[in-house]
Amino acid sequence: MVHPCGLRLGGEIDRAAHPRLARALAWAVAVCGGDVRLDLGGLHFIDAGALRLIGQVAAGLPAPRRLIVDAVPPLARRLLRVLGWQVGQGNRLCPARNGHARPGPKDASPPEPIP
């Protein structure tokens, strides 16, 4: 049986906790030989900066390694979408299809006329 390697995050992660989160993520990447799993189920709050750190770790993992997120709270899921990330198949954290949160020129629809 393969045991997942990663971190269980809980409580509140705000700007003051970013350095600790960065160290913990770096540790998990170094120790886990394969995928890195993050359990976010114990979070009461996480700010956009912390989710950016998590996204940077996901983007920096060499293939075929992946960052897997479990029990993502609804607010964190919405913030991830705003930041240009999505929770994909198998709970893999991956960039949105267009690579950014806001529609780009090719993705943008013309505005609706105001009646």
PDB file of N, CA and C in Angstrom:
ATOM      1  N   MET A   1       0.851  -1.175   0.000  1.00  0.00           N
ATOM      2  CA  MET A   1       0.000   0.000   0.000  1.00  0.00           C
ATOM      3  C   MET A   1       0.899   1.242   0.000  1.00  0.00           C
ATOM      4  N   VAL A   2       0.545   2.193  -0.796  1.00  0.00           N
ATOM      5  CA  VAL A   2       1.291   3.448  -0.866  1.00  0.00           C
ATOM      6  C   VAL A   2       0.654   4.439   0.100  1.00  0.00           C
ATOM      7  N   HIS A   3       1.472   5.046   0.938  1.00  0.00           N
ATOM      8  CA  HIS A   3       0.973   6.031   1.887  1.00  0.00           C
ATOM      9  C   HIS A   3       1.198   7.427   1.331  1.00  0.00           C
ATOM     10  N   PRO A   4       0.167   8.265   1.371  1.00  0.00           N
ATOM     11  CA  PRO A   4       0.355   9.620   0.858  1.00  0.00           C
ATOM     12  C   PRO A   4       1.311  10.405   1.751  1.00  0.00           C
ATOM     13  N   CYS A   5       2.047  11.279   1.144  1.00  0.00           N
ATOM     14  CA  CYS A   5       2.999  12.117   1.858  1.00  0.00           C
ATOM     15  C   CYS A   5       2.558  13.562   1.698  1.00  0.00           C
ATOM     16  N   GLY A   6       2.529  14.301   2.783  1.00  0.00           N
ATOM     17  CA  GLY A   6       2.132  15.694   2.668  1.00  0.00           C
ATOM     18  C   GLY A   6       1.871  16.335   4.005  1.00  0.00           C
ATOM     19  N   LEU A   7       0.950  17.288   3.982  1.00  0.00           N
ATOM     20  CA  LEU A   7       0.655  18.104   5.155  1.00  0.00           C
ATOM     21  C   LEU A   7      -0.843  18.172   5.398  1.00  0.00           C
ATOM     22  N   ARG A   8      -1.204  18.302   6.666  1.00  0.00           N
ATOM     23  CA  ARG A   8      -2.586  18.595   7.049  1.00  0.00           C
ATOM     24  C   ARG A   8      -2.572  20.006   7.618  1.00  0.00           C
ATOM     25  N   LEU A   9      -3.277  20.919   6.948  1.00  0.00           N
ATOM     26  CA  LEU A   9      -3.307  22.317   7.375  1.00  0.00           C
ATOM     27  C   LEU A   9      -4.571  22.572   8.173  1.00  0.00           C
ATOM     28  N   GLY A  10      -4.449  23.377   9.228  1.00  0.00           N
ATOM     29  CA  GLY A  10      -5.605  23.675  10.056  1.00  0.00           C
ATOM     30  C   GLY A  10      -5.533  25.066  10.635  1.00  0.00           C
ATOM     31  N   GLY A  11      -6.653  25.520  11.152  1.00  0.00           N
ATOM     32  CA  GLY A  11      -6.717  26.837  11.785  1.00  0.00           C
ATOM     33  C   GLY A  11      -6.815  27.948  10.766  1.00  0.00           C
ATOM     34  N   GLU A  12      -6.034  28.995  10.997  1.00  0.00           N
ATOM     35  CA  GLU A  12      -6.050  30.169  10.123  1.00  0.00           C
ATOM     36  C   GLU A  12      -4.663  30.389   9.539  1.00  0.00           C
ATOM     37  N   ILE A  13      -4.626  30.608   8.239  1.00  0.00           N
ATOM     38  CA  ILE A  13      -3.354  30.921   7.581  1.00  0.00           C
ATOM     39  C   ILE A  13      -3.512  32.285   6.927  1.00  0.00           C
ATOM     40  N   ASP A  14      -2.893  33.276   7.569  1.00  0.00           N
ATOM     41  CA  ASP A  14      -2.913  34.635   7.033  1.00  0.00           C
ATOM     42  C   ASP A  14      -1.479  35.051   6.737  1.00  0.00           C
ATOM     43  N   ARG A  15      -1.291  36.323   6.454  1.00  0.00           N
ATOM     44  CA  ARG A  15       0.026  36.823   6.050  1.00  0.00           C
ATOM     45  C   ARG A  15       1.123  36.484   7.069  1.00  0.00           C
ATOM     46  N   ALA A  16       0.791  36.561   8.337  1.00  0.00           N
ATOM     47  CA  ALA A  16       1.788  36.272   9.376  1.00  0.00           C
ATOM     48  C   ALA A  16       2.271  34.821   9.319  1.00  0.00           C
ATOM     49  N   ALA A  17       1.444  33.936   8.820  1.00  0.00           N
ATOM     50  CA  ALA A  17       1.797  32.513   8.765  1.00  0.00           C
ATOM     51  C   ALA A  17       2.470  32.108   7.453  1.00  0.00           C
ATOM     52  N   HIS A  18       2.585  33.021   6.491  1.00  0.00           N
ATOM     53  CA  HIS A  18       3.169  32.668   5.193  1.00  0.00           C
ATOM     54  C   HIS A  18       4.569  32.070   5.304  1.00  0.00           C
ATOM     55  N   PRO A  19       5.482  32.649   6.114  1.00  0.00           N
ATOM     56  CA  PRO A  19       6.823  32.043   6.195  1.00  0.00           C
ATOM     57  C   PRO A  19       6.796  30.595   6.705  1.00  0.00           C
ATOM     58  N   ARG A  20       5.957  30.323   7.706  1.00  0.00           N
ATOM     59  CA  ARG A  20       5.853  28.943   8.218  1.00  0.00           C
ATOM     60  C   ARG A  20       5.271  28.015   7.163  1.00  0.00           C
ATOM     61  N   LEU A  21       4.250  28.510   6.438  1.00  0.00           N
ATOM     62  CA  LEU A  21       3.653  27.699   5.380  1.00  0.00           C
ATOM     63  C   LEU A  21       4.690  27.408   4.295  1.00  0.00           C
ATOM     64  N   ALA A  22       5.455  28.418   3.908  1.00  0.00           N
ATOM     65  CA  ALA A  22       6.482  28.221   2.873  1.00  0.00           C
ATOM     66  C   ALA A  22       7.503  27.170   3.314  1.00  0.00           C
ATOM     67  N   ARG A  23       7.930  27.228   4.571  1.00  0.00           N
ATOM     68  CA  ARG A  23       8.880  26.228   5.083  1.00  0.00           C
ATOM     69  C   ARG A  23       8.260  24.828   5.100  1.00  0.00           C
ATOM     70  N   ALA A  24       7.010  24.745   5.522  1.00  0.00           N
ATOM     71  CA  ALA A  24       6.336  23.443   5.577  1.00  0.00           C
ATOM     72  C   ALA A  24       6.169  22.855   4.176  1.00  0.00           C
ATOM     73  N   LEU A  25       5.805  23.698   3.218  1.00  0.00           N
ATOM     74  CA  LEU A  25       5.655  23.221   1.844  1.00  0.00           C
ATOM     75  C   LEU A  25       7.000  22.771   1.274  1.00  0.00           C
ATOM     76  N   ALA A  26       8.053  23.541   1.543  1.00  0.00           N
ATOM     77  CA  ALA A  26       9.391  23.162   1.065  1.00  0.00           C
ATOM     78  C   ALA A  26       9.812  21.827   1.672  1.00  0.00           C
ATOM     79  N   TRP A  27       9.508  21.632   2.953  1.00  0.00           N
ATOM     80  CA  TRP A  27       9.813  20.363   3.613  1.00  0.00           C
ATOM     81  C   TRP A  27       9.077  19.219   2.924  1.00  0.00           C
ATOM     82  N   ALA A  28       7.769  19.404   2.675  1.00  0.00           N
ATOM     83  CA  ALA A  28       6.969  18.343   2.061  1.00  0.00           C
ATOM     84  C   ALA A  28       7.495  17.997   0.670  1.00  0.00           C
ATOM     85  N   VAL A  29       7.864  19.003  -0.100  1.00  0.00           N
ATOM     86  CA  VAL A  29       8.399  18.750  -1.442  1.00  0.00           C
ATOM     87  C   VAL A  29       9.706  17.963  -1.349  1.00  0.00           C
ATOM     88  N   ALA A  30      10.555  18.315  -0.384  1.00  0.00           N
ATOM     89  CA  ALA A  30      11.847  17.639  -0.239  1.00  0.00           C
ATOM     90  C   ALA A  30      11.699  16.206   0.264  1.00  0.00           C
ATOM     91  N   VAL A  31      10.766  15.978   1.178  1.00  0.00           N
ATOM     92  CA  VAL A  31      10.621  14.673   1.823  1.00  0.00           C
ATOM     93  C   VAL A  31       9.783  13.708   0.989  1.00  0.00           C
ATOM     94  N   CYS A  32       8.749  14.208   0.365  1.00  0.00           N
ATOM     95  CA  CYS A  32       7.856  13.359  -0.428  1.00  0.00           C
ATOM     96  C   CYS A  32       8.515  13.101  -1.777  1.00  0.00           C
ATOM     97  N   GLY A  33       8.789  11.865  -2.067  1.00  0.00           N
ATOM     98  CA  GLY A  33       9.436  11.558  -3.332  1.00  0.00           C
ATOM     99  C   GLY A  33       8.514  11.650  -4.533  1.00  0.00           C
ATOM    100  N   GLY A  34       7.235  11.535  -4.295  1.00  0.00           N
ATOM    101  CA  GLY A  34       6.261  11.578  -5.391  1.00  0.00           C
ATOM    102  C   GLY A  34       5.339  12.764  -5.226  1.00  0.00           C
ATOM    103  N   ASP A  35       4.050  12.481  -5.331  1.00  0.00           N
ATOM    104  CA  ASP A  35       3.053  13.537  -5.183  1.00  0.00           C
ATOM    105  C   ASP A  35       3.074  14.099  -3.768  1.00  0.00           C
ATOM    106  N   VAL A  36       2.698  15.362  -3.651  1.00  0.00           N
ATOM    107  CA  VAL A  36       2.567  16.023  -2.356  1.00  0.00           C
ATOM    108  C   VAL A  36       1.080  16.220  -2.118  1.00  0.00           C
ATOM    109  N   ARG A  37       0.603  15.771  -0.971  1.00  0.00           N
ATOM    110  CA  ARG A  37      -0.824  15.870  -0.653  1.00  0.00           C
ATOM    111  C   ARG A  37      -1.023  16.887   0.460  1.00  0.00           C
ATOM    112  N   LEU A  38      -1.990  17.799   0.244  1.00  0.00           N
ATOM    113  CA  LEU A  38      -2.361  18.782   1.260  1.00  0.00           C
ATOM    114  C   LEU A  38      -3.801  18.546   1.662  1.00  0.00           C
ATOM    115  N   ASP A  39      -4.030  18.339   2.941  1.00  0.00           N
ATOM    116  CA  ASP A  39      -5.383  18.216   3.484  1.00  0.00           C
ATOM    117  C   ASP A  39      -5.752  19.581   4.047  1.00  0.00           C
ATOM    118  N   LEU A  40      -6.708  20.243   3.422  1.00  0.00           N
ATOM    119  CA  LEU A  40      -7.114  21.587   3.831  1.00  0.00           C
ATOM    120  C   LEU A  40      -8.378  21.576   4.682  1.00  0.00           C
ATOM    121  N   GLY A  41      -8.845  20.400   5.065  1.00  0.00           N
ATOM    122  CA  GLY A  41     -10.113  20.270   5.772  1.00  0.00           C
ATOM    123  C   GLY A  41     -10.176  20.951   7.125  1.00  0.00           C
ATOM    124  N   GLY A  42      -9.049  21.151   7.772  1.00  0.00           N
ATOM    125  CA  GLY A  42      -9.043  21.779   9.089  1.00  0.00           C
ATOM    126  C   GLY A  42      -8.928  23.290   9.068  1.00  0.00           C
ATOM    127  N   LEU A  43      -8.924  23.877   7.880  1.00  0.00           N
ATOM    128  CA  LEU A  43      -8.769  25.333   7.788  1.00  0.00           C
ATOM    129  C   LEU A  43     -10.066  26.056   8.118  1.00  0.00           C
ATOM    130  N   HIS A  44      -9.931  27.097   8.927  1.00  0.00           N
ATOM    131  CA  HIS A  44     -11.053  28.002   9.180  1.00  0.00           C
ATOM    132  C   HIS A  44     -10.929  29.233   8.302  1.00  0.00           C
ATOM    133  N   PHE A  45      -9.678  29.562   7.916  1.00  0.00           N
ATOM    134  CA  PHE A  45      -9.410  30.719   7.059  1.00  0.00           C
ATOM    135  C   PHE A  45      -8.075  30.509   6.364  1.00  0.00           C
ATOM    136  N   ILE A  46      -8.022  30.895   5.097  1.00  0.00           N
ATOM    137  CA  ILE A  46      -6.758  30.940   4.361  1.00  0.00           C
ATOM    138  C   ILE A  46      -6.837  32.129   3.419  1.00  0.00           C
ATOM    139  N   ASP A  47      -5.784  32.931   3.386  1.00  0.00           N
ATOM    140  CA  ASP A  47      -5.830  34.120   2.530  1.00  0.00           C
ATOM    141  C   ASP A  47      -5.269  33.808   1.145  1.00  0.00           C
ATOM    142  N   ALA A  48      -5.456  34.765   0.248  1.00  0.00           N
ATOM    143  CA  ALA A  48      -5.041  34.581  -1.141  1.00  0.00           C
ATOM    144  C   ALA A  48      -3.534  34.388  -1.253  1.00  0.00           C
ATOM    145  N   GLY A  49      -2.762  35.065  -0.421  1.00  0.00           N
ATOM    146  CA  GLY A  49      -1.309  34.918  -0.470  1.00  0.00           C
ATOM    147  C   GLY A  49      -0.864  33.500  -0.150  1.00  0.00           C
ATOM    148  N   ALA A  50      -1.513  32.871   0.809  1.00  0.00           N
ATOM    149  CA  ALA A  50      -1.183  31.490   1.159  1.00  0.00           C
ATOM    150  C   ALA A  50      -1.553  30.547   0.014  1.00  0.00           C
ATOM    151  N   LEU A  51      -2.687  30.803  -0.615  1.00  0.00           N
ATOM    152  CA  LEU A  51      -3.076  29.970  -1.753  1.00  0.00           C
ATOM    153  C   LEU A  51      -2.132  30.185  -2.932  1.00  0.00           C
ATOM    154  N   ARG A  52      -1.615  31.412  -3.073  1.00  0.00           N
ATOM    155  CA  ARG A  52      -0.606  31.676  -4.108  1.00  0.00           C
ATOM    156  C   ARG A  52       0.655  30.839  -3.857  1.00  0.00           C
ATOM    157  N   LEU A  53       1.080  30.783  -2.596  1.00  0.00           N
ATOM    158  CA  LEU A  53       2.241  29.949  -2.249  1.00  0.00           C
ATOM    159  C   LEU A  53       2.002  28.492  -2.639  1.00  0.00           C
ATOM    160  N   ILE A  54       0.831  27.995  -2.320  1.00  0.00           N
ATOM    161  CA  ILE A  54       0.491  26.614  -2.650  1.00  0.00           C
ATOM    162  C   ILE A  54       0.507  26.427  -4.167  1.00  0.00           C
ATOM    163  N   GLY A  55      -0.051  27.393  -4.900  1.00  0.00           N
ATOM    164  CA  GLY A  55      -0.041  27.325  -6.361  1.00  0.00           C
ATOM    165  C   GLY A  55       1.364  27.345  -6.933  1.00  0.00           C
ATOM    166  N   GLN A  56       2.248  28.143  -6.333  1.00  0.00           N
ATOM    167  CA  GLN A  56       3.639  28.194  -6.799  1.00  0.00           C
ATOM    168  C   GLN A  56       4.333  26.855  -6.596  1.00  0.00           C
ATOM    169  N   VAL A  57       4.038  26.211  -5.481  1.00  0.00           N
ATOM    170  CA  VAL A  57       4.614  24.884  -5.240  1.00  0.00           C
ATOM    171  C   VAL A  57       4.092  23.902  -6.284  1.00  0.00           C
ATOM    172  N   ALA A  58       2.792  23.941  -6.556  1.00  0.00           N
ATOM    173  CA  ALA A  58       2.209  23.045  -7.562  1.00  0.00           C
ATOM    174  C   ALA A  58       2.868  23.273  -8.920  1.00  0.00           C
ATOM    175  N   ALA A  59       3.063  24.536  -9.285  1.00  0.00           N
ATOM    176  CA  ALA A  59       3.657  24.861 -10.584  1.00  0.00           C
ATOM    177  C   ALA A  59       5.124  24.449 -10.656  1.00  0.00           C
ATOM    178  N   GLY A  60       5.809  24.429  -9.522  1.00  0.00           N
ATOM    179  CA  GLY A  60       7.230  24.122  -9.506  1.00  0.00           C
ATOM    180  C   GLY A  60       7.578  22.646  -9.423  1.00  0.00           C
ATOM    181  N   LEU A  61       6.582  21.797  -9.199  1.00  0.00           N
ATOM    182  CA  LEU A  61       6.866  20.362  -9.112  1.00  0.00           C
ATOM    183  C   LEU A  61       7.192  19.809 -10.496  1.00  0.00           C
ATOM    184  N   PRO A  62       8.304  19.088 -10.623  1.00  0.00           N
ATOM    185  CA  PRO A  62       8.631  18.503 -11.926  1.00  0.00           C
ATOM    186  C   PRO A  62       7.691  17.335 -12.235  1.00  0.00           C
ATOM    187  N   ALA A  63       7.369  17.166 -13.507  1.00  0.00           N
ATOM    188  CA  ALA A  63       6.522  16.051 -13.930  1.00  0.00           C
ATOM    189  C   ALA A  63       7.248  14.752 -13.599  1.00  0.00           C
ATOM    190  N   PRO A  64       6.606  13.733 -13.194  1.00  0.00           N
ATOM    191  CA  PRO A  64       5.168  13.546 -13.096  1.00  0.00           C
ATOM    192  C   PRO A  64       4.591  13.867 -11.721  1.00  0.00           C
ATOM    193  N   ARG A  65       5.376  14.525 -10.846  1.00  0.00           N
ATOM    194  CA  ARG A  65       4.878  14.832  -9.499  1.00  0.00           C
ATOM    195  C   ARG A  65       3.713  15.807  -9.587  1.00  0.00           C
ATOM    196  N   ARG A  66       2.788  15.674  -8.626  1.00  0.00           N
ATOM    197  CA  ARG A  66       1.612  16.542  -8.590  1.00  0.00           C
ATOM    198  C   ARG A  66       1.359  17.006  -7.168  1.00  0.00           C
ATOM    199  N   LEU A  67       0.661  18.111  -7.041  1.00  0.00           N
ATOM    200  CA  LEU A  67       0.186  18.569  -5.739  1.00  0.00           C
ATOM    201  C   LEU A  67      -1.300  18.236  -5.685  1.00  0.00           C
ATOM    202  N   ILE A  68      -1.675  17.444  -4.701  1.00  0.00           N
ATOM    203  CA  ILE A  68      -3.052  16.980  -4.541  1.00  0.00           C
ATOM    204  C   ILE A  68      -3.639  17.688  -3.327  1.00  0.00           C
ATOM    205  N   VAL A  69      -4.825  18.270  -3.479  1.00  0.00           N
ATOM    206  CA  VAL A  69      -5.479  18.949  -2.360  1.00  0.00           C
ATOM    207  C   VAL A  69      -6.751  18.189  -1.999  1.00  0.00           C
ATOM    208  N   ASP A  70      -6.912  17.929  -0.716  1.00  0.00           N
ATOM    209  CA  ASP A  70      -8.090  17.226  -0.214  1.00  0.00           C
ATOM    210  C   ASP A  70      -8.884  18.149   0.691  1.00  0.00           C
ATOM    211  N   ALA A  71     -10.189  17.923   0.737  1.00  0.00           N
ATOM    212  CA  ALA A  71     -11.096  18.633   1.651  1.00  0.00           C
ATOM    213  C   ALA A  71     -10.928  20.149   1.538  1.00  0.00           C
ATOM    214  N   VAL A  72     -10.989  20.661   0.316  1.00  0.00           N
ATOM    215  CA  VAL A  72     -10.812  22.100   0.087  1.00  0.00           C
ATOM    216  C   VAL A  72     -12.086  22.829   0.509  1.00  0.00           C
ATOM    217  N   PRO A  73     -11.988  23.750   1.484  1.00  0.00           N
ATOM    218  CA  PRO A  73     -13.172  24.505   1.897  1.00  0.00           C
ATOM    219  C   PRO A  73     -13.707  25.350   0.733  1.00  0.00           C
ATOM    220  N   PRO A  74     -15.016  25.605   0.715  1.00  0.00           N
ATOM    221  CA  PRO A  74     -15.612  26.358  -0.396  1.00  0.00           C
ATOM    222  C   PRO A  74     -14.952  27.716  -0.654  1.00  0.00           C
ATOM    223  N   LEU A  75     -14.631  28.470   0.397  1.00  0.00           N
ATOM    224  CA  LEU A  75     -14.001  29.778   0.187  1.00  0.00           C
ATOM    225  C   LEU A  75     -12.633  29.618  -0.472  1.00  0.00           C
ATOM    226  N   ALA A  76     -11.863  28.645  -0.037  1.00  0.00           N
ATOM    227  CA  ALA A  76     -10.546  28.407  -0.634  1.00  0.00           C
ATOM    228  C   ALA A  76     -10.686  27.994  -2.096  1.00  0.00           C
ATOM    229  N   ARG A  77     -11.691  27.190  -2.402  1.00  0.00           N
ATOM    230  CA  ARG A  77     -11.925  26.765  -3.789  1.00  0.00           C
ATOM    231  C   ARG A  77     -12.238  27.976  -4.668  1.00  0.00           C
ATOM    232  N   ARG A  78     -13.071  28.898  -4.143  1.00  0.00           N
ATOM    233  CA  ARG A  78     -13.401  30.113  -4.913  1.00  0.00           C
ATOM    234  C   ARG A  78     -12.166  30.984  -5.108  1.00  0.00           C
ATOM    235  N   LEU A  79     -11.373  31.155  -4.051  1.00  0.00           N
ATOM    236  CA  LEU A  79     -10.152  31.959  -4.167  1.00  0.00           C
ATOM    237  C   LEU A  79      -9.172  31.333  -5.157  1.00  0.00           C
ATOM    238  N   LEU A  80      -9.053  30.032  -5.151  1.00  0.00           N
ATOM    239  CA  LEU A  80      -8.175  29.370  -6.115  1.00  0.00           C
ATOM    240  C   LEU A  80      -8.605  29.691  -7.540  1.00  0.00           C
ATOM    241  N   ARG A  81      -9.917  29.667  -7.793  1.00  0.00           N
ATOM    242  CA  ARG A  81     -10.406  30.001  -9.135  1.00  0.00           C
ATOM    243  C   ARG A  81     -10.053  31.432  -9.506  1.00  0.00           C
ATOM    244  N   VAL A  82     -10.222  32.358  -8.551  1.00  0.00           N
ATOM    245  CA  VAL A  82      -9.886  33.762  -8.802  1.00  0.00           C
ATOM    246  C   VAL A  82      -8.399  33.902  -9.125  1.00  0.00           C
ATOM    247  N   LEU A  83      -7.570  33.106  -8.474  1.00  0.00           N
ATOM    248  CA  LEU A  83      -6.120  33.163  -8.681  1.00  0.00           C
ATOM    249  C   LEU A  83      -5.662  32.401  -9.922  1.00  0.00           C
ATOM    250  N   GLY A  84      -6.594  31.761 -10.613  1.00  0.00           N
ATOM    251  CA  GLY A  84      -6.245  31.064 -11.847  1.00  0.00           C
ATOM    252  C   GLY A  84      -5.940  29.591 -11.685  1.00  0.00           C
ATOM    253  N   TRP A  85      -6.376  28.984 -10.597  1.00  0.00           N
ATOM    254  CA  TRP A  85      -6.143  27.571 -10.342  1.00  0.00           C
ATOM    255  C   TRP A  85      -7.472  26.852 -10.244  1.00  0.00           C
ATOM    256  N   GLN A  86      -7.450  25.565 -10.493  1.00  0.00           N
ATOM    257  CA  GLN A  86      -8.643  24.748 -10.308  1.00  0.00           C
ATOM    258  C   GLN A  86      -8.243  23.409  -9.705  1.00  0.00           C
ATOM    259  N   VAL A  87      -9.197  22.805  -9.036  1.00  0.00           N
ATOM    260  CA  VAL A  87      -8.991  21.462  -8.504  1.00  0.00           C
ATOM    261  C   VAL A  87      -9.501  20.515  -9.576  1.00  0.00           C
ATOM    262  N   GLY A  88      -8.573  19.822 -10.203  1.00  0.00           N
ATOM    263  CA  GLY A  88      -8.907  18.969 -11.335  1.00  0.00           C
ATOM    264  C   GLY A  88      -9.155  17.531 -10.931  1.00  0.00           C
ATOM    265  N   GLN A  89      -9.086  16.672 -11.923  1.00  0.00           N
ATOM    266  CA  GLN A  89      -9.318  15.245 -11.724  1.00  0.00           C
ATOM    267  C   GLN A  89      -8.351  14.689 -10.686  1.00  0.00           C
ATOM    268  N   GLY A  90      -8.869  13.891  -9.786  1.00  0.00           N
ATOM    269  CA  GLY A  90      -8.046  13.309  -8.731  1.00  0.00           C
ATOM    270  C   GLY A  90      -7.582  14.323  -7.701  1.00  0.00           C
ATOM    271  N   ASN A  91      -8.293  15.443  -7.605  1.00  0.00           N
ATOM    272  CA  ASN A  91      -7.975  16.538  -6.672  1.00  0.00           C
ATOM    273  C   ASN A  91      -6.623  17.180  -6.949  1.00  0.00           C
ATOM    274  N   ARG A  92      -6.145  17.053  -8.169  1.00  0.00           N
ATOM    275  CA  ARG A  92      -4.878  17.677  -8.553  1.00  0.00           C
ATOM    276  C   ARG A  92      -5.087  19.181  -8.697  1.00  0.00           C
ATOM    277  N   LEU A  93      -4.176  19.957  -8.123  1.00  0.00           N
ATOM    278  CA  LEU A  93      -4.218  21.411  -8.277  1.00  0.00           C
ATOM    279  C   LEU A  93      -3.523  21.749  -9.587  1.00  0.00           C
ATOM    280  N   CYS A  94      -4.245  22.412 -10.482  1.00  0.00           N
ATOM    281  CA  CYS A  94      -3.673  22.722 -11.787  1.00  0.00           C
ATOM    282  C   CYS A  94      -4.161  24.090 -12.259  1.00  0.00           C
ATOM    283  N   PRO A  95      -3.411  24.711 -13.197  1.00  0.00           N
ATOM    284  CA  PRO A  95      -3.836  26.013 -13.703  1.00  0.00           C
ATOM    285  C   PRO A  95      -5.170  25.888 -14.425  1.00  0.00           C
ATOM    286  N   ALA A  96      -5.939  26.968 -14.397  1.00  0.00           N
ATOM    287  CA  ALA A  96      -7.174  27.001 -15.175  1.00  0.00           C
ATOM    288  C   ALA A  96      -6.806  26.849 -16.648  1.00  0.00           C
ATOM    289  N   ARG A  97      -7.764  26.484 -17.466  1.00  0.00           N
ATOM    290  CA  ARG A  97      -7.470  26.197 -18.868  1.00  0.00           C
ATOM    291  C   ARG A  97      -6.755  27.329 -19.588  1.00  0.00           C
ATOM    292  N   ASN A  98      -7.153  28.561 -19.305  1.00  0.00           N
ATOM    293  CA  ASN A  98      -6.504  29.675 -19.994  1.00  0.00           C
ATOM    294  C   ASN A  98      -5.273  30.163 -19.240  1.00  0.00           C
ATOM    295  N   GLY A  99      -4.949  29.526 -18.097  1.00  0.00           N
ATOM    296  CA  GLY A  99      -3.739  29.864 -17.369  1.00  0.00           C
ATOM    297  C   GLY A  99      -3.858  31.069 -16.466  1.00  0.00           C
ATOM    298  N   HIS A 100      -4.979  31.712 -16.464  1.00  0.00           N
ATOM    299  CA  HIS A 100      -5.185  32.854 -15.576  1.00  0.00           C
ATOM    300  C   HIS A 100      -6.657  32.953 -15.234  1.00  0.00           C
ATOM    301  N   ALA A 101      -6.959  33.694 -14.191  1.00  0.00           N
ATOM    302  CA  ALA A 101      -8.322  33.730 -13.674  1.00  0.00           C
ATOM    303  C   ALA A 101      -9.248  34.589 -14.517  1.00  0.00           C
ATOM    304  N   ARG A 102      -8.767  35.711 -14.935  1.00  0.00           N
ATOM    305  CA  ARG A 102      -9.630  36.612 -15.701  1.00  0.00           C
ATOM    306  C   ARG A 102      -9.601  36.228 -17.166  1.00  0.00           C
ATOM    307  N   PRO A 103     -10.723  36.407 -17.861  1.00  0.00           N
ATOM    308  CA  PRO A 103     -10.711  36.066 -19.276  1.00  0.00           C
ATOM    309  C   PRO A 103      -9.696  36.916 -20.023  1.00  0.00           C
ATOM    310  N   GLY A 104      -8.932  36.274 -20.872  1.00  0.00           N
ATOM    311  CA  GLY A 104      -7.989  37.007 -21.710  1.00  0.00           C
ATOM    312  C   GLY A 104      -8.679  37.471 -22.974  1.00  0.00           C
ATOM    313  N   PRO A 105      -7.968  38.139 -23.868  1.00  0.00           N
ATOM    314  CA  PRO A 105      -8.573  38.665 -25.081  1.00  0.00           C
ATOM    315  C   PRO A 105      -9.248  37.591 -25.918  1.00  0.00           C
ATOM    316  N   LYS A 106      -8.663  36.394 -25.974  1.00  0.00           N
ATOM    317  CA  LYS A 106      -9.267  35.331 -26.777  1.00  0.00           C
ATOM    318  C   LYS A 106     -10.473  34.722 -26.082  1.00  0.00           C
ATOM    319  N   ASP A 107     -10.520  34.837 -24.758  1.00  0.00           N
ATOM    320  CA  ASP A 107     -11.593  34.205 -23.986  1.00  0.00           C
ATOM    321  C   ASP A 107     -12.763  35.142 -23.732  1.00  0.00           C
ATOM    322  N   ALA A 108     -12.512  36.428 -23.817  1.00  0.00           N
ATOM    323  CA  ALA A 108     -13.514  37.406 -23.391  1.00  0.00           C
ATOM    324  C   ALA A 108     -14.682  37.448 -24.363  1.00  0.00           C
ATOM    325  N   SER A 109     -15.851  37.538 -23.805  1.00  0.00           N
ATOM    326  CA  SER A 109     -17.057  37.733 -24.594  1.00  0.00           C
ATOM    327  C   SER A 109     -17.374  39.212 -24.602  1.00  0.00           C
ATOM    328  N   PRO A 110     -17.993  39.695 -25.667  1.00  0.00           N
ATOM    329  CA  PRO A 110     -18.369  41.106 -25.649  1.00  0.00           C
ATOM    330  C   PRO A 110     -19.400  41.351 -24.562  1.00  0.00           C
ATOM    331  N   PRO A 111     -19.395  42.530 -23.972  1.00  0.00           N
ATOM    332  CA  PRO A 111     -20.373  42.806 -22.923  1.00  0.00           C
ATOM    333  C   PRO A 111     -21.788  42.798 -23.478  1.00  0.00           C
ATOM    334  N   GLU A 112     -22.695  42.417 -22.603  1.00  0.00           N
ATOM    335  CA  GLU A 112     -24.113  42.421 -22.966  1.00  0.00           C
ATOM    336  C   GLU A 112     -24.596  43.862 -23.090  1.00  0.00           C
ATOM    337  N   PRO A 113     -25.430  44.155 -24.089  1.00  0.00           N
ATOM    338  CA  PRO A 113     -25.968  45.518 -24.180  1.00  0.00           C
ATOM    339  C   PRO A 113     -26.902  45.802 -23.012  1.00  0.00           C
ATOM    340  N   ILE A 114     -26.900  47.023 -22.578  1.00  0.00           N
ATOM    341  CA  ILE A 114     -27.784  47.437 -21.487  1.00  0.00           C
ATOM    342  C   ILE A 114     -29.118  47.828 -22.093  1.00  0.00           C
ATOM    343  N   PRO A 115     -30.203  47.187 -21.644  1.00  0.00           N
ATOM    344  CA  PRO A 115     -31.529  47.509 -22.216  1.00  0.00           C
ATOM    345  C   PRO A 115     -32.008  48.881 -21.813  1.00  0.00           C
TER     346      PRO A 115
END
